[in-house]
Amino acid sequence: MEQQKCLYILFSATPYRIGKCIRFITGEPYNHVSIATEEDLRECYGFARRFYETPFYGGFVTERPSRYIHNGCVSKIRLYRLPLTNAQWLKLDTLLQNMRSQPERYLYNHLSAMMAPMHLKVRVRDAFTCAEFVVSVLSRLGFDFDPTRFYTIGGIAKRLEDYHVYTGQFPTMGEKDHTFFQPHPLPHPVYTSAMSIFALLWRKTIA
């Protein structure tokens, strides 16, 4: 018998200064949300910084388990499992293949992130916050989410509560993600961050 295909939605309290700052501002227990196609969470997909030392150079990334561990702190998470039909699974697989093949096309939506405290969404082509990405995926798969609306991370979790399967520490240590933590000379984070923000503003201007 064929195993049921599922989409996993992972809410996390990431162990970084930016994550702690976001949780302080929002008053929510989690500051990040991503998706996975396997329960072991060895590969998650979301919108976040591309490297540890480039907080403003972000976009679509594949997250390894070591992203959820830093300086001895393990992320607290809340995990949801959504069963998918074969048609939904095929649609999800096609979407992720396309995004993995051209990750630089997808930018982190800093404009929406800046407006989040006011519960406002700024739409930019191929640019998402972590929450906007998850809402977009859920909407494409036919779940009751409107991609034109603003959702808080807590609001997404509340709507998925019937699918909750786990709350606790991130369960898989995995190997160190050397790409994410790779050190770069100072010009790299400055240049990449500036170019990423410029590209975002340019897309918004010409839309």
N, C-alpha and C. Protein backbone atom coordinates (compact mmCIF):
# COMPACT_ATOMS: atom_id res chain seq x y z
N MET A 1 0.84 -1.19 0.00
CA MET A 1 0.00 0.00 0.00
C MET A 1 0.88 1.25 0.00
N GLU A 2 0.56 2.19 -0.87
CA GLU A 2 1.37 3.41 -0.98
C GLU A 2 1.23 4.27 0.27
N GLN A 3 2.38 4.75 0.76
CA GLN A 3 2.38 5.57 1.96
C GLN A 3 1.75 6.93 1.69
N GLN A 4 0.97 7.41 2.66
CA GLN A 4 0.32 8.71 2.54
C GLN A 4 1.36 9.82 2.44
N LYS A 5 1.23 10.66 1.42
CA LYS A 5 2.11 11.80 1.26
C LYS A 5 1.58 12.95 2.13
N CYS A 6 2.51 13.68 2.76
CA CYS A 6 2.11 14.75 3.68
C CYS A 6 2.97 15.99 3.47
N LEU A 7 2.39 17.11 3.80
CA LEU A 7 3.13 18.36 3.89
C LEU A 7 3.29 18.69 5.36
N TYR A 8 4.51 19.02 5.77
CA TYR A 8 4.79 19.38 7.16
C TYR A 8 5.03 20.88 7.25
N ILE A 9 4.34 21.50 8.20
CA ILE A 9 4.50 22.93 8.46
C ILE A 9 5.22 23.07 9.79
N LEU A 10 6.38 23.71 9.76
CA LEU A 10 7.24 23.81 10.93
C LEU A 10 7.32 25.25 11.43
N PHE A 11 6.81 25.49 12.62
CA PHE A 11 6.93 26.78 13.29
C PHE A 11 8.09 26.69 14.27
N SER A 12 8.95 27.71 14.29
CA SER A 12 10.14 27.61 15.13
C SER A 12 10.48 28.93 15.81
N ALA A 13 11.08 28.80 16.98
CA ALA A 13 11.67 29.93 17.70
C ALA A 13 13.17 29.82 17.46
N THR A 14 13.66 30.49 16.45
CA THR A 14 15.05 30.31 16.06
C THR A 14 16.00 30.94 17.09
N PRO A 15 17.18 30.33 17.28
CA PRO A 15 18.08 30.77 18.35
C PRO A 15 19.06 31.86 17.93
N TYR A 16 18.55 32.89 17.27
CA TYR A 16 19.39 33.99 16.80
C TYR A 16 18.85 35.31 17.34
N ARG A 17 19.68 36.33 17.33
CA ARG A 17 19.26 37.62 17.87
C ARG A 17 18.05 38.19 17.14
N ILE A 18 18.03 38.05 15.82
CA ILE A 18 16.90 38.58 15.05
C ILE A 18 15.61 37.86 15.42
N GLY A 19 15.69 36.55 15.58
CA GLY A 19 14.52 35.78 15.97
C GLY A 19 13.99 36.20 17.33
N LYS A 20 14.91 36.41 18.27
CA LYS A 20 14.50 36.85 19.61
C LYS A 20 13.86 38.23 19.56
N CYS A 21 14.41 39.09 18.72
CA CYS A 21 13.86 40.45 18.58
C CYS A 21 12.45 40.39 17.99
N ILE A 22 12.25 39.55 16.98
CA ILE A 22 10.92 39.41 16.36
C ILE A 22 9.91 38.90 17.38
N ARG A 23 10.31 37.91 18.17
CA ARG A 23 9.38 37.37 19.18
C ARG A 23 9.04 38.42 20.23
N PHE A 24 10.02 39.24 20.58
CA PHE A 24 9.77 40.30 21.56
C PHE A 24 8.77 41.31 21.01
N ILE A 25 8.92 41.68 19.72
CA ILE A 25 8.04 42.68 19.12
C ILE A 25 6.63 42.13 18.94
N THR A 26 6.52 40.89 18.46
CA THR A 26 5.19 40.32 18.16
C THR A 26 4.50 39.72 19.38
N GLY A 27 5.29 39.33 20.39
CA GLY A 27 4.71 38.68 21.55
C GLY A 27 4.30 37.24 21.27
N GLU A 28 4.75 36.69 20.15
CA GLU A 28 4.40 35.31 19.78
C GLU A 28 5.56 34.37 20.12
N PRO A 29 5.25 33.10 20.36
CA PRO A 29 6.31 32.15 20.74
C PRO A 29 7.21 31.73 19.58
N TYR A 30 6.76 31.92 18.33
CA TYR A 30 7.54 31.49 17.17
C TYR A 30 7.73 32.68 16.22
N ASN A 31 8.91 32.72 15.61
CA ASN A 31 9.23 33.82 14.69
C ASN A 31 9.45 33.37 13.27
N HIS A 32 9.46 32.06 13.02
CA HIS A 32 9.76 31.55 11.68
C HIS A 32 8.84 30.38 11.37
N VAL A 33 8.52 30.23 10.07
CA VAL A 33 7.72 29.10 9.63
C VAL A 33 8.25 28.63 8.28
N SER A 34 8.33 27.33 8.11
CA SER A 34 8.83 26.75 6.87
C SER A 34 8.06 25.47 6.59
N ILE A 35 8.39 24.81 5.49
CA ILE A 35 7.70 23.58 5.13
C ILE A 35 8.70 22.46 4.93
N ALA A 36 8.21 21.22 4.99
CA ALA A 36 9.04 20.06 4.70
C ALA A 36 8.15 18.99 4.07
N THR A 37 8.78 18.08 3.36
CA THR A 37 8.03 16.99 2.74
C THR A 37 8.29 15.65 3.42
N GLU A 38 9.21 15.64 4.39
CA GLU A 38 9.53 14.43 5.14
C GLU A 38 9.49 14.73 6.63
N GLU A 39 9.04 13.76 7.42
CA GLU A 39 8.85 13.99 8.85
C GLU A 39 10.16 14.14 9.60
N ASP A 40 11.28 13.64 9.05
CA ASP A 40 12.55 13.76 9.76
C ASP A 40 13.11 15.20 9.71
N LEU A 41 12.52 16.06 8.88
CA LEU A 41 12.87 17.48 8.82
C LEU A 41 14.34 17.72 8.44
N ARG A 42 14.94 16.78 7.73
CA ARG A 42 16.34 16.97 7.34
C ARG A 42 16.48 18.00 6.22
N GLU A 43 15.39 18.27 5.53
CA GLU A 43 15.37 19.36 4.55
C GLU A 43 14.05 20.11 4.71
N CYS A 44 14.16 21.37 5.07
CA CYS A 44 12.99 22.24 5.15
C CYS A 44 13.17 23.36 4.11
N TYR A 45 12.07 23.94 3.70
CA TYR A 45 12.11 24.98 2.69
C TYR A 45 11.38 26.21 3.20
N GLY A 46 11.99 27.36 2.99
CA GLY A 46 11.36 28.57 3.47
C GLY A 46 12.06 29.81 2.95
N PHE A 47 11.64 30.96 3.45
CA PHE A 47 12.26 32.23 3.09
C PHE A 47 12.96 32.77 4.32
N ALA A 48 14.27 32.91 4.20
CA ALA A 48 15.10 33.33 5.33
C ALA A 48 16.42 33.85 4.79
N ARG A 49 17.32 34.23 5.69
CA ARG A 49 18.66 34.68 5.26
C ARG A 49 19.37 33.52 4.57
N ARG A 50 20.20 33.86 3.60
CA ARG A 50 20.91 32.81 2.87
C ARG A 50 22.16 32.33 3.62
N PHE A 51 22.78 33.23 4.38
CA PHE A 51 23.94 32.88 5.17
C PHE A 51 23.78 33.46 6.57
N TYR A 52 24.46 32.88 7.52
CA TYR A 52 24.35 33.31 8.92
C TYR A 52 24.68 34.80 9.09
N GLU A 53 25.71 35.26 8.39
CA GLU A 53 26.17 36.64 8.60
C GLU A 53 25.58 37.63 7.59
N THR A 54 24.51 37.23 6.88
CA THR A 54 23.86 38.15 5.93
C THR A 54 22.36 38.23 6.25
N PRO A 55 22.00 38.88 7.34
CA PRO A 55 20.58 38.91 7.74
C PRO A 55 19.67 39.62 6.75
N PHE A 56 20.23 40.47 5.87
CA PHE A 56 19.40 41.19 4.91
C PHE A 56 19.56 40.66 3.48
N TYR A 57 20.29 39.58 3.33
CA TYR A 57 20.41 38.91 2.04
C TYR A 57 19.67 37.60 2.16
N GLY A 58 18.41 37.60 1.73
CA GLY A 58 17.58 36.42 1.96
C GLY A 58 16.72 36.08 0.76
N GLY A 59 16.07 34.95 0.86
CA GLY A 59 15.19 34.48 -0.19
C GLY A 59 14.82 33.03 0.05
N PHE A 60 14.53 32.31 -1.03
CA PHE A 60 14.17 30.90 -0.91
C PHE A 60 15.40 30.09 -0.55
N VAL A 61 15.33 29.32 0.52
CA VAL A 61 16.47 28.53 0.99
C VAL A 61 16.03 27.13 1.37
N THR A 62 16.98 26.21 1.26
CA THR A 62 16.81 24.87 1.83
C THR A 62 17.48 24.87 3.19
N GLU A 63 16.71 24.61 4.23
CA GLU A 63 17.20 24.70 5.60
C GLU A 63 17.60 23.31 6.11
N ARG A 64 18.85 23.18 6.55
CA ARG A 64 19.33 21.94 7.16
C ARG A 64 19.10 22.01 8.67
N PRO A 65 19.09 20.86 9.35
CA PRO A 65 18.81 20.85 10.79
C PRO A 65 19.70 21.76 11.62
N SER A 66 20.98 21.93 11.22
CA SER A 66 21.88 22.72 12.05
C SER A 66 21.51 24.20 12.07
N ARG A 67 20.63 24.64 11.16
CA ARG A 67 20.14 26.02 11.24
C ARG A 67 19.34 26.26 12.52
N TYR A 68 18.82 25.19 13.07
CA TYR A 68 17.95 25.30 14.24
C TYR A 68 18.71 25.10 15.55
N ILE A 69 20.04 25.08 15.45
CA ILE A 69 20.89 24.91 16.62
C ILE A 69 22.00 25.95 16.56
N HIS A 70 22.18 26.71 17.63
CA HIS A 70 23.21 27.75 17.60
C HIS A 70 23.70 28.03 19.01
N ASN A 71 25.01 27.99 19.17
CA ASN A 71 25.63 28.25 20.49
C ASN A 71 25.00 27.42 21.60
N GLY A 72 24.73 26.16 21.28
CA GLY A 72 24.17 25.24 22.28
C GLY A 72 22.67 25.35 22.48
N CYS A 73 22.03 26.29 21.81
CA CYS A 73 20.57 26.47 21.94
C CYS A 73 19.87 25.75 20.78
N VAL A 74 18.87 24.94 21.12
CA VAL A 74 18.08 24.22 20.12
C VAL A 74 16.72 24.88 20.00
N SER A 75 16.30 25.11 18.78
CA SER A 75 15.02 25.79 18.54
C SER A 75 13.84 25.00 19.12
N LYS A 76 12.92 25.72 19.72
CA LYS A 76 11.64 25.14 20.07
C LYS A 76 10.75 25.20 18.84
N ILE A 77 10.02 24.12 18.59
CA ILE A 77 9.22 24.06 17.37
C ILE A 77 7.80 23.57 17.66
N ARG A 78 6.94 23.82 16.70
CA ARG A 78 5.59 23.25 16.71
C ARG A 78 5.34 22.75 15.29
N LEU A 79 5.01 21.46 15.17
CA LEU A 79 4.95 20.79 13.87
C LEU A 79 3.53 20.36 13.55
N TYR A 80 3.15 20.58 12.28
CA TYR A 80 1.83 20.19 11.78
C TYR A 80 2.01 19.29 10.56
N ARG A 81 1.15 18.28 10.45
CA ARG A 81 1.22 17.33 9.32
C ARG A 81 -0.10 17.36 8.57
N LEU A 82 -0.03 17.72 7.28
CA LEU A 82 -1.23 17.84 6.46
C LEU A 82 -1.21 16.76 5.38
N PRO A 83 -2.12 15.78 5.43
CA PRO A 83 -2.18 14.76 4.38
C PRO A 83 -2.53 15.39 3.04
N LEU A 84 -1.89 14.88 1.98
CA LEU A 84 -2.11 15.40 0.63
C LEU A 84 -2.63 14.32 -0.30
N THR A 85 -3.44 14.73 -1.26
CA THR A 85 -3.84 13.82 -2.33
C THR A 85 -2.67 13.71 -3.32
N ASN A 86 -2.77 12.74 -4.24
CA ASN A 86 -1.72 12.60 -5.25
C ASN A 86 -1.58 13.86 -6.10
N ALA A 87 -2.71 14.48 -6.42
CA ALA A 87 -2.68 15.70 -7.23
C ALA A 87 -2.01 16.84 -6.46
N GLN A 88 -2.32 16.96 -5.18
CA GLN A 88 -1.69 18.00 -4.36
C GLN A 88 -0.19 17.76 -4.24
N TRP A 89 0.20 16.50 -4.04
CA TRP A 89 1.61 16.17 -3.90
C TRP A 89 2.37 16.49 -5.18
N LEU A 90 1.79 16.18 -6.33
CA LEU A 90 2.44 16.46 -7.60
C LEU A 90 2.62 17.97 -7.78
N LYS A 91 1.60 18.73 -7.41
CA LYS A 91 1.68 20.19 -7.52
C LYS A 91 2.77 20.75 -6.60
N LEU A 92 2.85 20.22 -5.37
CA LEU A 92 3.87 20.66 -4.43
C LEU A 92 5.27 20.29 -4.93
N ASP A 93 5.43 19.07 -5.40
CA ASP A 93 6.73 18.62 -5.89
C ASP A 93 7.21 19.46 -7.07
N THR A 94 6.30 19.78 -7.99
CA THR A 94 6.65 20.61 -9.14
C THR A 94 7.06 22.02 -8.70
N LEU A 95 6.31 22.58 -7.76
CA LEU A 95 6.63 23.92 -7.24
C LEU A 95 8.01 23.95 -6.62
N LEU A 96 8.31 22.98 -5.76
CA LEU A 96 9.61 22.97 -5.07
C LEU A 96 10.76 22.71 -6.04
N GLN A 97 10.54 21.84 -7.03
CA GLN A 97 11.58 21.61 -8.03
C GLN A 97 11.91 22.90 -8.77
N ASN A 98 10.88 23.64 -9.15
CA ASN A 98 11.09 24.90 -9.87
C ASN A 98 11.84 25.90 -9.00
N MET A 99 11.48 26.00 -7.73
CA MET A 99 12.11 26.97 -6.84
C MET A 99 13.54 26.56 -6.52
N ARG A 100 13.78 25.28 -6.31
CA ARG A 100 15.14 24.82 -6.03
C ARG A 100 16.07 25.04 -7.23
N SER A 101 15.52 25.01 -8.43
CA SER A 101 16.36 25.14 -9.64
C SER A 101 16.78 26.58 -9.90
N GLN A 102 16.10 27.55 -9.29
CA GLN A 102 16.43 28.96 -9.51
C GLN A 102 16.20 29.77 -8.24
N PRO A 103 16.90 29.43 -7.16
CA PRO A 103 16.64 30.08 -5.87
C PRO A 103 16.90 31.58 -5.88
N GLU A 104 17.85 32.04 -6.69
CA GLU A 104 18.18 33.48 -6.69
C GLU A 104 17.06 34.33 -7.25
N ARG A 105 16.12 33.71 -7.93
CA ARG A 105 14.97 34.46 -8.46
C ARG A 105 14.05 34.94 -7.34
N TYR A 106 14.08 34.24 -6.22
CA TYR A 106 13.12 34.51 -5.15
C TYR A 106 13.80 35.30 -4.03
N LEU A 107 13.21 36.44 -3.70
CA LEU A 107 13.78 37.36 -2.72
C LEU A 107 13.00 37.36 -1.42
N TYR A 108 13.69 37.68 -0.34
CA TYR A 108 12.98 37.88 0.93
C TYR A 108 12.28 39.23 0.87
N ASN A 109 11.01 39.26 1.26
CA ASN A 109 10.20 40.47 1.16
C ASN A 109 10.38 41.35 2.40
N HIS A 110 11.46 42.12 2.43
CA HIS A 110 11.71 43.00 3.57
C HIS A 110 10.63 44.08 3.72
N LEU A 111 10.00 44.46 2.62
CA LEU A 111 8.95 45.48 2.69
C LEU A 111 7.77 44.97 3.51
N SER A 112 7.36 43.75 3.26
CA SER A 112 6.28 43.16 4.06
C SER A 112 6.71 42.95 5.51
N ALA A 113 7.96 42.55 5.69
CA ALA A 113 8.45 42.32 7.05
C ALA A 113 8.41 43.61 7.86
N MET A 114 8.75 44.74 7.22
CA MET A 114 8.73 46.03 7.91
C MET A 114 7.31 46.46 8.27
N MET A 115 6.33 46.05 7.45
CA MET A 115 4.95 46.45 7.69
C MET A 115 4.18 45.47 8.56
N ALA A 116 4.81 44.34 8.89
CA ALA A 116 4.12 43.30 9.66
C ALA A 116 3.58 43.79 11.00
N PRO A 117 4.29 44.66 11.75
CA PRO A 117 3.71 45.12 13.01
C PRO A 117 2.37 45.83 12.84
N MET A 118 2.13 46.36 11.64
CA MET A 118 0.85 47.03 11.36
C MET A 118 -0.13 46.10 10.65
N HIS A 119 0.26 44.82 10.54
CA HIS A 119 -0.58 43.79 9.90
C HIS A 119 -0.92 44.18 8.46
N LEU A 120 0.09 44.67 7.74
CA LEU A 120 -0.06 45.03 6.35
C LEU A 120 0.86 44.18 5.50
N LYS A 121 0.40 43.84 4.30
CA LYS A 121 1.15 43.01 3.37
C LYS A 121 1.54 43.85 2.16
N VAL A 122 2.79 43.77 1.74
CA VAL A 122 3.26 44.47 0.55
C VAL A 122 3.58 43.40 -0.50
N ARG A 123 2.86 43.42 -1.57
CA ARG A 123 3.02 42.38 -2.59
C ARG A 123 4.12 42.77 -3.58
N VAL A 124 5.09 41.86 -3.75
CA VAL A 124 6.18 42.04 -4.70
C VAL A 124 6.35 40.72 -5.43
N ARG A 125 6.50 40.76 -6.74
CA ARG A 125 6.62 39.54 -7.53
C ARG A 125 7.80 38.68 -7.06
N ASP A 126 7.51 37.41 -6.83
CA ASP A 126 8.53 36.42 -6.44
C ASP A 126 9.30 36.80 -5.18
N ALA A 127 8.63 37.52 -4.29
CA ALA A 127 9.24 37.89 -3.01
C ALA A 127 8.26 37.57 -1.89
N PHE A 128 8.76 36.95 -0.84
CA PHE A 128 7.90 36.51 0.25
C PHE A 128 8.62 36.67 1.58
N THR A 129 7.86 36.85 2.64
CA THR A 129 8.36 36.56 3.98
C THR A 129 8.15 35.07 4.21
N CYS A 130 8.63 34.55 5.32
CA CYS A 130 8.44 33.13 5.59
C CYS A 130 6.95 32.80 5.68
N ALA A 131 6.18 33.67 6.32
CA ALA A 131 4.74 33.43 6.48
C ALA A 131 4.03 33.52 5.13
N GLU A 132 4.39 34.50 4.31
CA GLU A 132 3.76 34.65 2.99
C GLU A 132 4.02 33.44 2.12
N PHE A 133 5.23 32.90 2.18
CA PHE A 133 5.55 31.71 1.39
C PHE A 133 4.68 30.53 1.79
N VAL A 134 4.55 30.28 3.08
CA VAL A 134 3.75 29.15 3.54
C VAL A 134 2.28 29.33 3.16
N VAL A 135 1.77 30.55 3.31
CA VAL A 135 0.38 30.82 2.92
C VAL A 135 0.20 30.59 1.42
N SER A 136 1.18 31.03 0.62
CA SER A 136 1.11 30.82 -0.82
C SER A 136 1.05 29.34 -1.17
N VAL A 137 1.90 28.54 -0.53
CA VAL A 137 1.91 27.10 -0.79
C VAL A 137 0.58 26.47 -0.39
N LEU A 138 0.09 26.79 0.80
CA LEU A 138 -1.17 26.23 1.26
C LEU A 138 -2.32 26.61 0.33
N SER A 139 -2.32 27.85 -0.13
CA SER A 139 -3.37 28.30 -1.05
C SER A 139 -3.31 27.53 -2.36
N ARG A 140 -2.11 27.35 -2.91
CA ARG A 140 -1.96 26.63 -4.17
C ARG A 140 -2.43 25.18 -4.06
N LEU A 141 -2.30 24.62 -2.88
CA LEU A 141 -2.70 23.22 -2.67
C LEU A 141 -4.18 23.09 -2.32
N GLY A 142 -4.89 24.21 -2.26
CA GLY A 142 -6.33 24.14 -2.05
C GLY A 142 -6.79 24.28 -0.61
N PHE A 143 -5.88 24.61 0.30
CA PHE A 143 -6.28 24.84 1.68
C PHE A 143 -6.86 26.26 1.81
N ASP A 144 -7.63 26.47 2.86
CA ASP A 144 -8.42 27.69 2.99
C ASP A 144 -7.56 28.86 3.48
N PHE A 145 -6.69 29.34 2.59
CA PHE A 145 -5.85 30.50 2.87
C PHE A 145 -5.92 31.44 1.67
N ASP A 146 -5.97 32.72 1.94
CA ASP A 146 -6.03 33.74 0.89
C ASP A 146 -4.66 34.40 0.76
N PRO A 147 -3.94 34.18 -0.34
CA PRO A 147 -2.57 34.72 -0.46
C PRO A 147 -2.51 36.23 -0.56
N THR A 148 -3.65 36.90 -0.75
CA THR A 148 -3.65 38.36 -0.81
C THR A 148 -3.80 38.98 0.58
N ARG A 149 -4.11 38.17 1.58
CA ARG A 149 -4.32 38.67 2.94
C ARG A 149 -3.05 38.60 3.76
N PHE A 150 -3.00 39.41 4.81
CA PHE A 150 -1.90 39.33 5.78
C PHE A 150 -2.25 38.30 6.86
N TYR A 151 -1.30 37.43 7.18
CA TYR A 151 -1.46 36.46 8.27
C TYR A 151 -0.25 36.57 9.19
N THR A 152 -0.49 36.58 10.48
CA THR A 152 0.61 36.44 11.42
C THR A 152 1.02 34.98 11.47
N ILE A 153 2.21 34.72 11.97
CA ILE A 153 2.65 33.33 12.13
C ILE A 153 1.71 32.60 13.09
N GLY A 154 1.33 33.28 14.18
CA GLY A 154 0.40 32.68 15.12
C GLY A 154 -0.96 32.43 14.49
N GLY A 155 -1.38 33.32 13.59
CA GLY A 155 -2.66 33.14 12.92
C GLY A 155 -2.66 31.93 12.01
N ILE A 156 -1.55 31.68 11.33
CA ILE A 156 -1.43 30.49 10.48
C ILE A 156 -1.51 29.23 11.35
N ALA A 157 -0.76 29.23 12.44
CA ALA A 157 -0.74 28.06 13.33
C ALA A 157 -2.14 27.77 13.87
N LYS A 158 -2.86 28.81 14.23
CA LYS A 158 -4.20 28.62 14.79
C LYS A 158 -5.13 27.96 13.77
N ARG A 159 -5.03 28.35 12.52
CA ARG A 159 -5.90 27.78 11.48
C ARG A 159 -5.54 26.34 11.16
N LEU A 160 -4.33 25.92 11.51
CA LEU A 160 -3.88 24.55 11.22
C LEU A 160 -3.94 23.64 12.45
N GLU A 161 -4.52 24.10 13.53
CA GLU A 161 -4.42 23.40 14.81
C GLU A 161 -4.87 21.95 14.73
N ASP A 162 -5.83 21.63 13.89
CA ASP A 162 -6.32 20.24 13.79
C ASP A 162 -5.24 19.30 13.26
N TYR A 163 -4.18 19.85 12.67
CA TYR A 163 -3.12 19.02 12.09
C TYR A 163 -1.88 18.93 12.98
N HIS A 164 -1.95 19.46 14.18
CA HIS A 164 -0.80 19.50 15.08
C HIS A 164 -0.36 18.09 15.48
N VAL A 165 0.98 17.84 15.42
CA VAL A 165 1.49 16.51 15.79
C VAL A 165 2.61 16.55 16.82
N TYR A 166 3.27 17.71 16.98
CA TYR A 166 4.43 17.71 17.89
C TYR A 166 4.75 19.12 18.34
N THR A 167 5.10 19.25 19.62
CA THR A 167 5.65 20.49 20.16
C THR A 167 6.83 20.13 21.06
N GLY A 168 7.94 20.81 20.88
CA GLY A 168 9.13 20.53 21.69
C GLY A 168 10.36 21.07 21.00
N GLN A 169 11.52 20.48 21.31
CA GLN A 169 12.76 20.90 20.67
C GLN A 169 12.87 20.29 19.28
N PHE A 170 13.64 20.96 18.43
CA PHE A 170 13.88 20.40 17.09
C PHE A 170 14.47 19.00 17.26
N PRO A 171 13.85 18.00 16.63
CA PRO A 171 14.18 16.61 16.97
C PRO A 171 15.43 16.03 16.33
N THR A 172 15.94 16.64 15.26
CA THR A 172 17.05 16.04 14.52
C THR A 172 18.25 16.97 14.53
N MET A 173 19.38 16.47 15.01
CA MET A 173 20.57 17.31 15.04
C MET A 173 21.18 17.44 13.64
N GLY A 174 21.46 16.33 12.99
CA GLY A 174 22.02 16.38 11.65
C GLY A 174 23.45 16.91 11.63
N GLU A 175 24.00 17.03 10.42
CA GLU A 175 25.36 17.53 10.26
C GLU A 175 25.36 19.05 10.15
N LYS A 176 26.51 19.62 10.43
CA LYS A 176 26.68 21.07 10.35
C LYS A 176 26.44 21.54 8.92
N ASP A 177 25.65 22.61 8.76
CA ASP A 177 25.41 23.19 7.45
C ASP A 177 26.55 24.17 7.16
N HIS A 178 27.61 23.65 6.54
CA HIS A 178 28.80 24.46 6.33
C HIS A 178 28.53 25.62 5.38
N THR A 179 27.60 25.45 4.45
CA THR A 179 27.29 26.54 3.53
C THR A 179 26.68 27.72 4.26
N PHE A 180 25.71 27.46 5.14
CA PHE A 180 25.03 28.52 5.86
C PHE A 180 25.97 29.26 6.80
N PHE A 181 26.84 28.53 7.49
CA PHE A 181 27.72 29.12 8.49
C PHE A 181 29.09 29.51 7.93
N GLN A 182 29.30 29.34 6.64
CA GLN A 182 30.59 29.66 6.05
C GLN A 182 30.92 31.14 6.23
N PRO A 183 32.11 31.46 6.77
CA PRO A 183 32.49 32.88 6.94
C PRO A 183 32.81 33.53 5.61
N HIS A 184 32.51 34.82 5.52
CA HIS A 184 32.80 35.59 4.31
C HIS A 184 33.52 36.86 4.71
N PRO A 185 34.35 37.42 3.82
CA PRO A 185 34.96 38.72 4.11
C PRO A 185 33.88 39.79 4.19
N LEU A 186 34.14 40.86 4.92
CA LEU A 186 33.15 41.89 5.20
C LEU A 186 32.42 42.43 3.96
N PRO A 187 33.11 42.67 2.84
CA PRO A 187 32.39 43.22 1.68
C PRO A 187 31.23 42.33 1.21
N HIS A 188 31.34 41.02 1.42
CA HIS A 188 30.30 40.11 0.91
C HIS A 188 28.93 40.37 1.52
N PRO A 189 28.78 40.35 2.86
CA PRO A 189 27.45 40.61 3.42
C PRO A 189 26.92 42.00 3.10
N VAL A 190 27.82 42.99 3.03
CA VAL A 190 27.38 44.35 2.71
C VAL A 190 26.88 44.42 1.27
N TYR A 191 27.64 43.87 0.36
CA TYR A 191 27.28 43.92 -1.06
C TYR A 191 26.02 43.12 -1.34
N THR A 192 25.97 41.87 -0.87
CA THR A 192 24.82 41.03 -1.17
C THR A 192 23.54 41.58 -0.55
N SER A 193 23.64 42.12 0.65
CA SER A 193 22.46 42.70 1.30
C SER A 193 21.96 43.91 0.52
N ALA A 194 22.88 44.78 0.11
CA ALA A 194 22.50 45.97 -0.64
C ALA A 194 21.87 45.60 -1.98
N MET A 195 22.45 44.63 -2.68
CA MET A 195 21.91 44.24 -3.98
C MET A 195 20.55 43.57 -3.84
N SER A 196 20.36 42.80 -2.76
CA SER A 196 19.08 42.13 -2.54
C SER A 196 17.97 43.14 -2.29
N ILE A 197 18.26 44.13 -1.46
CA ILE A 197 17.26 45.16 -1.16
C ILE A 197 16.99 46.02 -2.40
N PHE A 198 18.04 46.34 -3.15
CA PHE A 198 17.86 47.10 -4.39
C PHE A 198 16.96 46.34 -5.36
N ALA A 199 17.20 45.03 -5.53
CA ALA A 199 16.39 44.22 -6.45
C ALA A 199 14.93 44.19 -6.00
N LEU A 200 14.72 44.11 -4.69
CA LEU A 200 13.35 44.11 -4.16
C LEU A 200 12.65 45.43 -4.48
N LEU A 201 13.33 46.54 -4.21
CA LEU A 201 12.74 47.85 -4.47
C LEU A 201 12.50 48.07 -5.96
N TRP A 202 13.41 47.58 -6.80
CA TRP A 202 13.25 47.72 -8.24
C TRP A 202 12.02 46.95 -8.72
N ARG A 203 11.84 45.73 -8.24
CA ARG A 203 10.67 44.95 -8.62
C ARG A 203 9.37 45.64 -8.21
N LYS A 204 9.39 46.20 -7.01
CA LYS A 204 8.19 46.90 -6.54
C LYS A 204 7.92 48.13 -7.38
N THR A 205 8.97 48.82 -7.79
CA THR A 205 8.81 50.06 -8.56
C THR A 205 8.23 49.78 -9.95
N ILE A 206 8.70 48.72 -10.60
CA ILE A 206 8.27 48.46 -11.97
C ILE A 206 7.01 47.61 -12.05
N ALA A 207 6.50 47.16 -10.92
CA ALA A 207 5.30 46.30 -10.93
C ALA A 207 4.08 47.07 -11.43
